[in-house]
Amino acid sequence: MYLLYLHITESTMIHVFCKNNSASKSFREGTTLLDMLPEFNFDKPFPIVSARVNNVSQGLKFRVYNNRDVEFLDCTSPSGMRVYIRSLSFLLCKATRDVFRGSRIYIEHPIFHGYYCELVKADKKPVTQEDIDKIKARMQQLVDKDMAFHRYEVQTPEAIRIFREKGLDDKVKLLETSGEVYMNYYTLGRTADYYYGRLVPSASFLKVFDLKLYHKGMLLLGPDKHDPYKLAPYVDQPKTFAMFSENLKWNNIMGLRTVGDLNHALLENGGSDYVQIAEALQEKKIVRIAEEIEKRYRSRSKVRVVLITGPSSSGKTTFSKRLSIQLKACGLRPLSFSTDDYFVDREKTPLLPDGSYDFDNFDTVDHKLLEKDLLRIISGESVEVPEYNFVTGKREYKGKMLRLGPQNVIILEGIHALNPRLTRKIPDSKKYKIFISTLTGTALDNHNCIPTSDNRLLRRIVRDVNKGAFTARETISQWPKVRAAEDEWIYPYQEMADVMFNSAYLVEFAVLRNHAEPILRSVPKNCPEYSEAHRLLKFIHYFTPITDKEIPPTSLLREFVGGSSFKY
């Protein structure tokens, strides 16, 4: 006879280092981050909504089975805010389905401090304020009920089957082209949905939100990124919205509303046609702008200065060069220079609170001298303009003379070009103002819109590495400061533009994938920037890659991937 002895031991203990307070504690393996949180004593001015585990974003229900570094995040962190907005989007979709059976909701795109959504009801009737009130009330009921979000990991064919049965073809198309073996999906009550990142544990985490009637749809608002207890400020942006709407209308006509649509089109037809369409769309818009400038130039008011601005990596430089070519085709002769050439000497540059140079500050530009030179040029004088030496940090005069003659117009490009203080002595009738942005009109699927800043960040990472300026880690590290400067110095003036130009490229992410993936993989796992690199890698993997060999040398995209025929 053999006796079987059972030896019962305690669960294995793991050690967790909390970056928020540099403290280590031991827990049973499999403990969730949510259960660990009360054990770490650190200042929590705002509710914790997510965490980074070994520099990878995770939800608070994540179970830890090995020794790990953990950093808890609230909504003042971009990563935390993404988790909140993603969860809030699911809450909206769930509430909408509960209130309007058979309806479809499309979370289209971000619009300053909010997200524009379209609701297509089963009866096809327009959305009313009463509809908004019903949906908002249902959202609040789910929050008060503290309904839990649940995550399931299944084989991709199983996820596709689930969403196909529910008639969610947008998710089916996306998952069919993902190339993944397993996928995650979420449920809220009996409602299933797909989101490409983590969610909060339950609806009670989503106490700060609002829903407004906006144009023909709805505007979803979440917390303010500086004070998550408050609602993000509502700012109407009619010109920006019109540009998004134009892009969305074109995508719907082409049947390319989502990334799944685009991936299937690229797999079936290749990328050649779509590269040519992307170029034709941008060239068509540039021609229209050039023709409008020519019309204003030949009018009684006679436009003399074209001001061009936009956020980092929006393509201002290439746009300016392509616009100059079209202006020449209209019979005008543009004279181009940049606000950067009027930077103050390096030692006079304003400083940030941490003591580093604030290169985006308005006072980094000698705006008084710039305006004085502009006025002299417009009055017909011949003026020597400087060139800034970024190595020495000094303005230099090398004999570059500008004088307005017949058919001449000035093109002034720079991040402060639309700031009224820069050209306040020049009559508005003499100025034509252009704002360039990168408003990605294609969403991952109907409930996952693409942040517009991700487009520009990927461009900048690729360009910085190609030029040998910065590593991906350095560019990612600088990006929060860049974004903060844009909010302060660029975006407040975008609605003052005479025209907006959307530099988003139809197949941009498909092209960028081949360039960005090896660069992002170079970011070490043991640095804070790995979290963003990991997220961007996961995001760009959704796109079916295509080669850039058919992109012409004059393309705006060449400014970032290399091979441009323009000199920068």
Protein backbone atom coordinates (compact mmCIF):
# COMPACT_ATOMS: atom_id res chain seq x y z
CA MET A 1 0.00 0.00 0.00
CA TYR A 2 1.24 3.42 -0.89
CA LEU A 3 0.37 6.48 1.11
CA LEU A 4 0.02 9.87 -0.61
CA TYR A 5 1.24 12.75 1.52
CA LEU A 6 0.06 16.26 0.65
CA HIS A 7 2.45 19.02 1.61
CA ILE A 8 0.53 22.31 1.84
CA THR A 9 2.59 25.48 1.73
CA GLU A 10 1.78 29.13 1.74
CA SER A 11 1.37 30.90 -1.59
CA THR A 12 4.56 32.23 -3.08
CA MET A 13 5.26 35.81 -2.09
CA ILE A 14 6.33 38.43 -4.58
CA HIS A 15 8.00 41.79 -4.06
CA VAL A 16 6.64 44.97 -5.61
CA PHE A 17 8.55 48.24 -5.80
CA CYS A 18 6.26 51.28 -5.94
CA LYS A 19 7.77 54.15 -7.92
CA ASN A 20 5.32 56.65 -6.43
CA ASN A 21 7.02 56.51 -3.03
CA SER A 22 10.09 54.32 -3.66
CA ALA A 23 8.77 51.70 -1.22
CA SER A 24 8.80 47.91 -1.54
CA LYS A 25 6.17 45.55 -0.17
CA SER A 26 5.47 41.84 -0.34
CA PHE A 27 2.20 40.34 -1.61
CA ARG A 28 0.83 36.93 -2.45
CA GLU A 29 1.36 36.12 -6.11
CA GLY A 30 -1.72 36.91 -8.19
CA THR A 31 -2.66 39.98 -6.14
CA THR A 32 -4.29 42.69 -8.25
CA LEU A 33 -2.92 46.20 -8.49
CA LEU A 34 -6.21 47.43 -7.10
CA ASP A 35 -5.70 45.38 -3.92
CA MET A 36 -2.08 46.53 -3.63
CA LEU A 37 -2.94 50.23 -3.92
CA PRO A 38 -4.13 50.82 -0.29
CA GLU A 39 -0.92 49.26 1.03
CA PHE A 40 1.26 51.96 -0.51
CA ASN A 41 1.18 55.26 1.32
CA PHE A 42 1.81 58.16 -1.08
CA ASP A 43 0.10 61.41 -1.96
CA LYS A 44 -2.99 60.77 -4.12
CA PRO A 45 -4.43 64.18 -5.01
CA PHE A 46 -6.65 62.59 -7.68
CA PRO A 47 -8.22 59.12 -8.09
CA ILE A 48 -5.88 56.41 -9.37
CA VAL A 49 -7.21 54.92 -12.63
CA SER A 50 -4.39 52.76 -13.99
CA ALA A 51 -0.72 51.84 -13.56
CA ARG A 52 2.51 51.08 -15.34
CA VAL A 53 4.04 47.70 -14.55
CA ASN A 54 7.67 47.44 -15.63
CA ASN A 55 6.96 50.50 -17.82
CA VAL A 56 3.97 48.93 -19.58
CA SER A 57 0.46 50.34 -19.12
CA GLN A 58 -1.90 48.01 -17.24
CA GLY A 59 -5.37 48.17 -15.76
CA LEU A 60 -5.89 48.06 -12.02
CA LYS A 61 -7.30 44.51 -12.28
CA PHE A 62 -3.94 43.30 -13.54
CA ARG A 63 -2.65 40.40 -11.40
CA VAL A 64 1.04 40.34 -10.51
CA TYR A 65 2.77 36.96 -10.40
CA ASN A 66 6.42 38.02 -10.32
CA ASN A 67 8.55 40.74 -8.75
CA ARG A 68 7.66 43.99 -10.47
CA ASP A 69 8.08 47.78 -10.48
CA VAL A 70 4.73 49.57 -10.35
CA GLU A 71 3.77 53.20 -10.86
CA PHE A 72 0.16 54.16 -10.13
CA LEU A 73 -1.38 56.80 -12.42
CA ASP A 74 -4.23 59.29 -12.28
CA CYS A 75 -5.76 61.34 -15.11
CA THR A 76 -3.03 63.98 -15.00
CA SER A 77 -0.91 61.34 -16.73
CA PRO A 78 -1.60 60.96 -20.50
CA SER A 79 -1.61 57.19 -20.02
CA GLY A 80 -4.13 57.43 -17.20
CA MET A 81 -6.32 59.81 -19.18
CA ARG A 82 -6.37 57.41 -22.14
CA VAL A 83 -7.60 54.62 -19.85
CA TYR A 84 -10.33 56.92 -18.50
CA ILE A 85 -11.52 58.13 -21.93
CA ARG A 86 -11.45 54.60 -23.34
CA SER A 87 -13.64 53.41 -20.46
CA LEU A 88 -15.92 56.43 -20.77
CA SER A 89 -16.37 55.64 -24.46
CA PHE A 90 -17.52 52.12 -23.59
CA LEU A 91 -19.89 53.57 -20.97
CA LEU A 92 -21.39 55.84 -23.64
CA CYS A 93 -21.73 52.96 -26.14
CA LYS A 94 -23.38 50.74 -23.51
CA ALA A 95 -25.82 53.46 -22.43
CA THR A 96 -26.71 54.30 -26.01
CA ARG A 97 -27.50 50.67 -26.84
CA ASP A 98 -29.61 50.38 -23.68
CA VAL A 99 -31.65 53.51 -24.47
CA PHE A 100 -31.91 53.13 -28.25
CA ARG A 101 -32.15 49.48 -29.26
CA GLY A 102 -30.80 48.80 -32.72
CA SER A 103 -28.86 52.07 -32.83
CA ARG A 104 -25.24 52.57 -33.88
CA ILE A 105 -22.81 55.02 -32.38
CA TYR A 106 -19.61 56.27 -33.98
CA ILE A 107 -16.91 57.93 -31.85
CA GLU A 108 -15.46 59.88 -34.72
CA HIS A 109 -12.61 62.12 -33.62
CA PRO A 110 -11.29 64.34 -30.84
CA ILE A 111 -12.33 67.95 -30.95
CA PHE A 112 -10.70 70.36 -28.47
CA HIS A 113 -11.20 68.86 -24.98
CA GLY A 114 -13.90 66.46 -26.20
CA TYR A 115 -14.85 63.69 -28.63
CA TYR A 116 -17.38 64.08 -31.39
CA CYS A 117 -19.82 61.18 -31.75
CA GLU A 118 -22.54 60.36 -34.25
CA LEU A 119 -25.67 58.45 -33.23
CA VAL A 120 -27.67 56.64 -35.89
CA LYS A 121 -30.95 55.57 -34.34
CA ALA A 122 -33.00 52.68 -35.68
CA ASP A 123 -35.69 55.10 -36.86
CA LYS A 124 -33.06 57.36 -38.52
CA LYS A 125 -34.52 60.43 -36.80
CA PRO A 126 -32.18 63.34 -35.87
CA VAL A 127 -30.57 63.42 -32.45
CA THR A 128 -32.36 65.74 -30.02
CA GLN A 129 -31.57 67.21 -26.63
CA GLU A 130 -34.09 64.79 -25.14
CA ASP A 131 -32.07 61.90 -26.61
CA ILE A 132 -28.89 63.29 -25.06
CA ASP A 133 -30.55 63.64 -21.67
CA LYS A 134 -31.75 60.01 -21.76
CA ILE A 135 -28.31 58.66 -22.67
CA LYS A 136 -26.58 60.80 -20.05
CA ALA A 137 -29.05 59.64 -17.38
CA ARG A 138 -28.38 56.01 -18.29
CA MET A 139 -24.63 56.58 -18.09
CA GLN A 140 -25.07 58.02 -14.61
CA GLN A 141 -27.19 55.01 -13.58
CA LEU A 142 -24.39 52.66 -14.63
CA VAL A 143 -21.87 54.75 -12.67
CA ASP A 144 -24.09 54.75 -9.55
CA LYS A 145 -24.60 50.99 -9.94
CA ASP A 146 -20.82 50.55 -10.19
CA MET A 147 -21.16 48.07 -13.03
CA ALA A 148 -17.88 46.21 -13.55
CA PHE A 149 -15.80 46.03 -16.72
CA HIS A 150 -14.63 42.50 -17.48
CA ARG A 151 -11.78 41.52 -19.81
CA TYR A 152 -11.62 38.24 -21.71
CA GLU A 153 -8.70 36.85 -23.70
CA VAL A 154 -9.72 34.52 -26.52
CA GLN A 155 -8.32 33.25 -29.79
CA THR A 156 -8.77 35.83 -32.52
CA PRO A 157 -11.20 33.66 -34.58
CA GLU A 158 -13.42 33.41 -31.49
CA ALA A 159 -13.38 37.21 -31.03
CA ILE A 160 -14.24 37.62 -34.71
CA ARG A 161 -17.16 35.18 -34.33
CA ILE A 162 -18.50 37.09 -31.31
CA PHE A 163 -18.45 40.44 -33.07
CA ARG A 164 -19.77 39.04 -36.36
CA GLU A 165 -22.80 37.63 -34.53
CA LYS A 166 -23.42 41.08 -33.06
CA GLY A 167 -23.19 42.71 -36.49
CA LEU A 168 -20.08 44.72 -35.58
CA ASP A 169 -18.36 44.45 -38.95
CA ASP A 170 -15.94 47.30 -38.19
CA LYS A 171 -14.36 45.21 -35.42
CA VAL A 172 -14.43 42.06 -37.54
CA LYS A 173 -12.44 43.79 -40.31
CA LEU A 174 -9.92 45.17 -37.83
CA LEU A 175 -9.36 41.83 -36.10
CA GLU A 176 -9.18 39.91 -39.39
CA THR A 177 -6.16 41.99 -40.41
CA SER A 178 -4.49 42.10 -36.98
CA GLY A 179 -2.29 39.03 -37.44
CA GLU A 180 -2.71 38.20 -33.74
CA VAL A 181 -3.30 34.72 -32.30
CA TYR A 182 -5.19 35.95 -29.22
CA MET A 183 -7.24 39.11 -28.65
CA ASN A 184 -8.83 40.81 -25.65
CA TYR A 185 -12.40 41.99 -25.56
CA TYR A 186 -14.43 43.61 -22.79
CA THR A 187 -17.94 43.42 -21.43
CA LEU A 188 -20.00 45.91 -19.44
CA GLY A 189 -23.06 44.03 -18.29
CA ARG A 190 -24.17 42.00 -21.31
CA THR A 191 -22.64 44.43 -23.80
CA ALA A 192 -19.41 43.27 -25.46
CA ASP A 193 -16.96 45.62 -27.16
CA TYR A 194 -13.35 45.86 -28.26
CA TYR A 195 -10.82 48.46 -27.06
CA TYR A 196 -7.13 48.46 -27.87
CA GLY A 197 -5.99 49.33 -24.36
CA ARG A 198 -6.89 48.75 -20.72
CA LEU A 199 -10.04 50.01 -18.96
CA VAL A 200 -10.83 51.05 -15.39
CA PRO A 201 -12.16 48.30 -13.07
CA SER A 202 -15.75 49.55 -12.88
CA ALA A 203 -18.10 52.38 -13.86
CA SER A 204 -17.84 54.16 -10.51
CA PHE A 205 -14.35 55.32 -11.55
CA LEU A 206 -16.04 57.48 -14.23
CA LYS A 207 -17.66 60.16 -12.13
CA VAL A 208 -16.57 63.15 -14.24
CA PHE A 209 -18.19 63.39 -17.68
CA ASP A 210 -20.72 65.30 -19.73
CA LEU A 211 -22.61 64.80 -22.98
CA LYS A 212 -23.71 67.72 -25.14
CA LEU A 213 -25.74 68.09 -28.30
CA TYR A 214 -23.19 69.22 -30.90
CA HIS A 215 -24.00 69.86 -34.57
CA LYS A 216 -25.83 66.70 -35.75
CA GLY A 217 -24.28 64.50 -33.09
CA MET A 218 -22.91 64.56 -29.56
CA LEU A 219 -19.82 65.85 -27.80
CA LEU A 220 -18.43 63.59 -25.07
CA LEU A 221 -16.42 65.44 -22.42
CA GLY A 222 -14.17 63.89 -19.78
CA PRO A 223 -12.02 65.26 -16.94
CA ASP A 224 -9.67 68.21 -17.19
CA LYS A 225 -6.10 66.94 -17.51
CA HIS A 226 -4.86 69.46 -14.93
CA ASP A 227 -7.64 68.90 -12.38
CA PRO A 228 -9.46 65.59 -12.99
CA TYR A 229 -12.15 66.48 -10.45
CA LYS A 230 -13.32 69.12 -12.91
CA LEU A 231 -14.84 68.73 -16.34
CA ALA A 232 -12.63 69.55 -19.33
CA PRO A 233 -13.50 73.07 -20.55
CA TYR A 234 -15.86 73.23 -23.51
CA VAL A 235 -14.38 75.13 -26.44
CA ASP A 236 -16.23 75.44 -29.74
CA GLN A 237 -14.02 75.10 -32.82
CA PRO A 238 -16.19 75.50 -35.92
CA LYS A 239 -13.35 75.68 -38.45
CA THR A 240 -11.57 72.66 -37.00
CA PHE A 241 -14.84 70.73 -36.92
CA ALA A 242 -15.55 71.65 -40.55
CA MET A 243 -12.14 70.30 -41.59
CA PHE A 244 -12.78 67.02 -39.74
CA SER A 245 -16.24 66.77 -41.31
CA GLU A 246 -14.83 67.25 -44.80
CA ASN A 247 -12.32 64.46 -44.23
CA LEU A 248 -14.95 62.16 -42.73
CA LYS A 249 -17.33 62.78 -45.64
CA TRP A 250 -14.62 61.80 -48.11
CA ASN A 251 -13.75 58.65 -46.12
CA ASN A 252 -17.40 57.59 -46.12
CA ILE A 253 -17.68 58.10 -49.88
CA MET A 254 -14.55 55.98 -50.41
CA GLY A 255 -15.71 53.33 -47.94
CA LEU A 256 -12.60 53.88 -45.78
CA ARG A 257 -14.18 54.89 -42.50
CA THR A 258 -12.04 52.61 -40.33
CA VAL A 259 -8.59 51.05 -40.30
CA GLY A 260 -10.19 47.67 -41.00
CA ASP A 261 -11.67 49.13 -44.21
CA LEU A 262 -8.29 50.53 -45.23
CA ASN A 263 -6.40 47.33 -44.41
CA HIS A 264 -8.75 45.24 -46.54
CA ALA A 265 -8.46 47.75 -49.40
CA LEU A 266 -4.65 47.65 -49.24
CA LEU A 267 -4.58 43.85 -49.14
CA GLU A 268 -6.90 43.62 -52.13
CA ASN A 269 -5.57 46.42 -54.33
CA GLY A 270 -2.12 47.33 -53.02
CA GLY A 271 -1.05 50.79 -51.93
CA SER A 272 -0.27 52.46 -55.25
CA ASP A 273 -3.73 53.91 -55.93
CA TYR A 274 -4.13 55.15 -52.36
CA VAL A 275 -0.74 56.89 -52.36
CA GLN A 276 -1.75 58.68 -55.55
CA ILE A 277 -5.16 59.59 -54.09
CA ALA A 278 -3.50 60.96 -50.94
CA GLU A 279 -1.15 63.11 -53.01
CA ALA A 280 -3.97 64.33 -55.26
CA LEU A 281 -6.12 65.33 -52.29
CA GLN A 282 -3.35 67.37 -50.71
CA GLU A 283 -2.28 68.98 -53.97
CA LYS A 284 -5.88 69.91 -54.74
CA LYS A 285 -6.17 71.73 -51.41
CA ILE A 286 -2.84 73.52 -51.84
CA VAL A 287 -3.88 74.70 -55.32
CA ARG A 288 -7.13 76.09 -53.92
CA ILE A 289 -5.25 77.96 -51.20
CA ALA A 290 -2.78 79.39 -53.73
CA GLU A 291 -5.63 80.54 -55.98
CA GLU A 292 -7.36 82.22 -53.03
CA ILE A 293 -4.13 84.04 -52.10
CA GLU A 294 -3.73 85.19 -55.70
CA LYS A 295 -7.33 86.45 -55.71
CA ARG A 296 -6.73 88.37 -52.47
CA TYR A 297 -3.41 89.67 -53.79
CA ARG A 298 -5.10 91.14 -56.87
CA SER A 299 -7.97 92.62 -54.86
CA ARG A 300 -8.14 96.18 -53.63
CA SER A 301 -6.81 95.20 -50.16
CA LYS A 302 -3.80 93.40 -51.77
CA VAL A 303 -2.58 90.67 -49.42
CA ARG A 304 1.17 91.01 -48.87
CA VAL A 305 1.96 88.52 -46.07
CA VAL A 306 1.04 84.83 -45.89
CA LEU A 307 1.36 83.53 -42.32
CA ILE A 308 1.72 79.77 -41.81
CA THR A 309 1.70 77.96 -38.49
CA GLY A 310 0.87 74.61 -36.95
CA PRO A 311 2.00 72.27 -34.18
CA SER A 312 5.20 70.23 -34.22
CA SER A 313 5.57 67.81 -37.15
CA SER A 314 2.43 69.01 -38.89
CA GLY A 315 4.44 69.53 -42.07
CA LYS A 316 4.72 73.32 -42.08
CA THR A 317 8.04 73.41 -43.94
CA THR A 318 7.08 71.18 -46.85
CA PHE A 319 3.66 72.78 -47.09
CA SER A 320 5.31 76.21 -47.37
CA LYS A 321 7.54 74.99 -50.19
CA ARG A 322 4.69 73.36 -52.09
CA LEU A 323 2.54 76.45 -51.63
CA SER A 324 5.38 78.59 -53.00
CA ILE A 325 5.45 76.43 -56.15
CA GLN A 326 1.70 76.84 -56.66
CA LEU A 327 1.91 80.59 -56.07
CA LYS A 328 4.57 80.78 -58.76
CA ALA A 329 2.23 78.86 -61.05
CA CYS A 330 -0.34 81.60 -60.34
CA GLY A 331 2.14 84.26 -61.47
CA LEU A 332 3.22 85.40 -58.01
CA ARG A 333 6.76 85.48 -56.63
CA PRO A 334 6.91 84.42 -52.97
CA LEU A 335 9.66 85.57 -50.61
CA SER A 336 10.03 83.05 -47.79
CA PHE A 337 11.59 83.18 -44.36
CA SER A 338 10.93 81.83 -40.88
CA THR A 339 10.20 83.23 -37.43
CA ASP A 340 12.98 80.91 -36.22
CA ASP A 341 15.53 83.23 -37.83
CA TYR A 342 14.48 85.90 -35.33
CA PHE A 343 15.21 83.83 -32.24
CA VAL A 344 16.89 85.83 -29.50
CA ASP A 345 20.46 84.92 -28.64
CA ARG A 346 20.58 81.70 -26.64
CA GLU A 347 21.43 83.33 -23.31
CA LYS A 348 18.32 85.53 -23.59
CA THR A 349 15.99 82.58 -24.16
CA PRO A 350 13.20 82.30 -21.53
CA LEU A 351 13.53 79.41 -19.09
CA LEU A 352 11.12 76.72 -17.99
CA PRO A 353 10.53 76.09 -14.25
CA ASP A 354 13.12 73.29 -14.34
CA GLY A 355 15.78 75.71 -15.64
CA SER A 356 15.87 74.39 -19.21
CA TYR A 357 15.37 76.65 -22.23
CA ASP A 358 11.78 77.34 -23.25
CA PHE A 359 12.29 77.39 -27.02
CA ASP A 360 8.53 77.52 -27.69
CA ASN A 361 7.90 80.67 -25.65
CA PHE A 362 6.68 83.67 -27.66
CA ASP A 363 9.52 85.75 -26.20
CA THR A 364 12.04 83.33 -27.71
CA VAL A 365 11.38 85.29 -30.91
CA ASP A 366 12.51 88.92 -31.16
CA HIS A 367 8.99 89.80 -32.26
CA LYS A 368 9.54 93.54 -32.14
CA LEU A 369 12.40 93.34 -34.64
CA LEU A 370 10.49 90.89 -36.81
CA GLU A 371 7.42 93.12 -37.00
CA LYS A 372 9.62 96.15 -37.68
CA ASP A 373 11.34 94.37 -40.59
CA LEU A 374 7.99 93.20 -41.98
CA LEU A 375 6.59 96.72 -41.94
CA ARG A 376 9.69 98.04 -43.71
CA ILE A 377 9.52 95.34 -46.37
CA ILE A 378 5.80 95.97 -46.96
CA SER A 379 6.48 99.69 -47.31
CA GLY A 380 8.90 98.92 -50.15
CA GLU A 381 12.26 99.11 -48.36
CA SER A 382 15.08 96.65 -48.98
CA VAL A 383 15.74 94.87 -45.67
CA GLU A 384 18.51 92.50 -44.66
CA VAL A 385 16.97 89.63 -42.69
CA PRO A 386 18.95 87.39 -40.32
CA GLU A 387 19.62 83.66 -40.32
CA TYR A 388 19.76 81.93 -36.96
CA ASN A 389 22.77 79.74 -36.23
CA PHE A 390 21.44 76.95 -34.02
CA VAL A 391 24.96 75.76 -33.24
CA THR A 392 26.22 79.07 -31.83
CA GLY A 393 22.81 80.25 -30.62
CA LYS A 394 23.23 83.60 -32.37
CA ARG A 395 21.46 85.55 -35.11
CA GLU A 396 23.72 86.15 -38.09
CA TYR A 397 23.44 88.54 -41.02
CA LYS A 398 24.80 87.07 -44.24
CA GLY A 399 23.49 89.53 -46.79
CA LYS A 400 20.03 88.00 -47.33
CA MET A 401 18.02 90.98 -48.63
CA LEU A 402 14.25 91.06 -49.01
CA ARG A 403 12.32 93.69 -50.93
CA LEU A 404 8.80 93.55 -52.25
CA GLY A 405 8.63 94.09 -55.94
CA PRO A 406 5.89 93.43 -58.50
CA GLN A 407 4.05 90.16 -57.88
CA ASN A 408 5.92 89.50 -54.60
CA VAL A 409 4.22 88.12 -51.49
CA ILE A 410 5.94 87.28 -48.20
CA ILE A 411 5.58 83.78 -46.76
CA LEU A 412 6.36 83.72 -43.05
CA GLU A 413 6.35 80.31 -41.39
CA GLY A 414 6.72 79.52 -37.69
CA ILE A 415 4.89 78.35 -34.59
CA HIS A 416 4.00 81.92 -33.57
CA ALA A 417 3.00 83.17 -37.01
CA LEU A 418 -0.71 83.46 -36.11
CA ASN A 419 -0.13 85.06 -32.71
CA PRO A 420 -1.75 88.53 -33.10
CA ARG A 421 1.09 90.13 -31.12
CA LEU A 422 3.55 89.21 -33.85
CA THR A 423 1.91 91.29 -36.59
CA ARG A 424 -0.46 93.61 -34.71
CA LYS A 425 0.65 96.70 -36.68
CA ILE A 426 -0.05 95.03 -40.01
CA PRO A 427 -3.71 95.38 -41.13
CA ASP A 428 -5.62 92.09 -41.30
CA SER A 429 -6.52 92.87 -44.91
CA LYS A 430 -2.83 92.55 -45.78
CA LYS A 431 -2.50 89.11 -44.13
CA TYR A 432 -3.60 85.65 -45.17
CA LYS A 433 -3.43 83.20 -42.27
CA ILE A 434 -3.01 79.43 -42.67
CA PHE A 435 -3.17 76.85 -39.87
CA ILE A 436 -1.81 73.36 -40.54
CA SER A 437 -2.80 70.42 -38.41
CA THR A 438 -2.82 66.63 -38.67
CA LEU A 439 -6.40 65.56 -38.12
CA THR A 440 -6.58 61.82 -38.63
CA GLY A 441 -10.04 61.14 -40.04
CA THR A 442 -9.85 57.33 -40.04
CA ALA A 443 -10.66 55.53 -36.78
CA LEU A 444 -9.46 52.10 -35.68
CA ASP A 445 -13.09 51.03 -35.53
CA ASN A 446 -16.40 52.73 -34.73
CA HIS A 447 -15.54 53.10 -31.03
CA ASN A 448 -11.76 53.68 -31.10
CA CYS A 449 -10.72 57.00 -32.61
CA ILE A 450 -7.06 57.80 -33.19
CA PRO A 451 -5.49 60.64 -31.14
CA THR A 452 -4.29 63.31 -33.56
CA SER A 453 -1.08 63.80 -31.60
CA ASP A 454 -0.03 60.17 -32.20
CA ASN A 455 0.30 60.92 -35.89
CA ARG A 456 2.67 63.80 -35.26
CA LEU A 457 4.65 61.98 -32.57
CA LEU A 458 5.37 59.06 -34.91
CA ARG A 459 6.41 61.50 -37.64
CA ARG A 460 8.74 63.28 -35.27
CA ILE A 461 10.31 60.08 -33.93
CA VAL A 462 11.07 58.84 -37.44
CA ARG A 463 12.39 62.22 -38.64
CA ASP A 464 14.57 62.81 -35.57
CA VAL A 465 16.24 59.43 -35.96
CA ASN A 466 16.67 59.79 -39.74
CA LYS A 467 18.36 63.16 -39.25
CA GLY A 468 20.49 61.95 -36.36
CA ALA A 469 19.01 64.66 -34.15
CA PHE A 470 17.51 62.59 -31.32
CA THR A 471 16.92 58.99 -30.40
CA ALA A 472 13.35 57.73 -30.06
CA ARG A 473 13.79 57.78 -26.30
CA GLU A 474 14.82 61.44 -26.33
CA THR A 475 11.97 62.47 -28.62
CA ILE A 476 9.40 60.67 -26.46
CA SER A 477 10.89 62.27 -23.35
CA GLN A 478 10.55 65.76 -24.85
CA TRP A 479 7.04 65.25 -26.20
CA PRO A 480 5.05 66.28 -23.05
CA LYS A 481 6.82 69.66 -23.07
CA VAL A 482 6.14 70.03 -26.78
CA ARG A 483 2.44 69.30 -26.28
CA ALA A 484 2.19 71.72 -23.35
CA ALA A 485 3.78 74.47 -25.45
CA GLU A 486 1.34 73.81 -28.29
CA ASP A 487 -1.62 74.19 -25.95
CA GLU A 488 -0.25 77.50 -24.72
CA TRP A 489 1.23 79.09 -27.83
CA ILE A 490 -0.32 77.52 -30.95
CA TYR A 491 -3.81 76.08 -30.54
CA PRO A 492 -5.41 79.21 -29.02
CA TYR A 493 -4.97 80.93 -32.41
CA GLN A 494 -6.02 78.16 -34.81
CA GLU A 495 -9.58 79.43 -35.25
CA MET A 496 -8.19 82.82 -36.35
CA ALA A 497 -6.91 81.25 -39.58
CA ASP A 498 -8.41 82.16 -42.95
CA VAL A 499 -7.99 78.54 -43.96
CA MET A 500 -7.02 75.26 -42.35
CA PHE A 501 -4.97 72.59 -44.09
CA ASN A 502 -5.15 68.98 -42.93
CA SER A 503 -1.76 67.37 -43.49
CA ALA A 504 -2.92 63.88 -42.43
CA TYR A 505 -2.03 61.41 -45.15
CA LEU A 506 -4.52 58.70 -46.13
CA VAL A 507 -2.05 55.79 -45.88
CA GLU A 508 0.38 57.47 -43.51
CA PHE A 509 0.40 54.89 -40.72
CA ALA A 510 0.70 52.08 -43.27
CA VAL A 511 3.85 53.79 -44.59
CA LEU A 512 5.22 54.82 -41.20
CA ARG A 513 4.93 51.29 -39.79
CA ASN A 514 7.99 50.00 -41.66
CA HIS A 515 10.03 53.02 -40.52
CA ALA A 516 8.77 53.29 -36.95
CA GLU A 517 8.78 49.67 -35.74
CA PRO A 518 12.57 49.11 -35.62
CA ILE A 519 13.07 52.57 -34.11
CA LEU A 520 10.51 52.02 -31.35
CA ARG A 521 11.94 48.58 -30.56
CA SER A 522 15.28 50.26 -29.83
CA VAL A 523 13.88 51.97 -26.71
CA PRO A 524 15.23 50.10 -23.65
CA LYS A 525 12.65 48.38 -21.45
CA ASN A 526 14.20 49.77 -18.29
CA CYS A 527 13.47 53.45 -19.05
CA PRO A 528 10.21 55.41 -18.53
CA GLU A 529 9.94 56.15 -22.27
CA TYR A 530 9.47 52.44 -22.98
CA SER A 531 5.82 52.75 -21.90
CA GLU A 532 5.05 55.12 -24.78
CA ALA A 533 7.20 53.20 -27.25
CA HIS A 534 5.37 49.97 -26.32
CA ARG A 535 1.98 51.66 -26.77
CA LEU A 536 2.92 53.11 -30.17
CA LEU A 537 4.26 49.74 -31.33
CA LYS A 538 1.00 48.07 -30.39
CA PHE A 539 -0.98 50.82 -32.08
CA ILE A 540 0.90 50.90 -35.37
CA HIS A 541 0.74 47.10 -35.62
CA TYR A 542 -2.96 47.46 -36.49
CA PHE A 543 -2.02 48.87 -39.90
CA THR A 544 -1.20 46.73 -42.91
CA PRO A 545 2.26 48.03 -43.95
CA ILE A 546 3.06 49.31 -47.44
CA THR A 547 6.33 50.47 -48.96
CA ASP A 548 7.15 54.14 -49.46
CA LYS A 549 8.76 53.58 -52.86
CA GLU A 550 5.84 55.15 -54.76
CA ILE A 551 5.64 58.26 -52.59
CA PRO A 552 6.92 61.16 -54.75
CA PRO A 553 9.96 63.20 -53.60
CA THR A 554 7.77 66.32 -53.24
CA SER A 555 5.37 64.57 -50.87
CA LEU A 556 4.75 66.10 -47.47
CA LEU A 557 5.45 62.68 -45.97
CA ARG A 558 9.00 62.77 -47.37
CA GLU A 559 9.85 65.46 -44.81
CA PHE A 560 9.67 62.70 -42.19
CA VAL A 561 10.64 59.41 -43.87
CA GLY A 562 13.41 60.96 -45.99
CA GLY A 563 13.98 61.21 -49.72
CA SER A 564 12.52 64.69 -50.22
CA SER A 565 13.59 66.77 -53.20
CA PHE A 566 13.20 69.92 -51.09
CA LYS A 567 16.12 71.35 -49.14
CA TYR A 568 15.42 71.95 -45.46
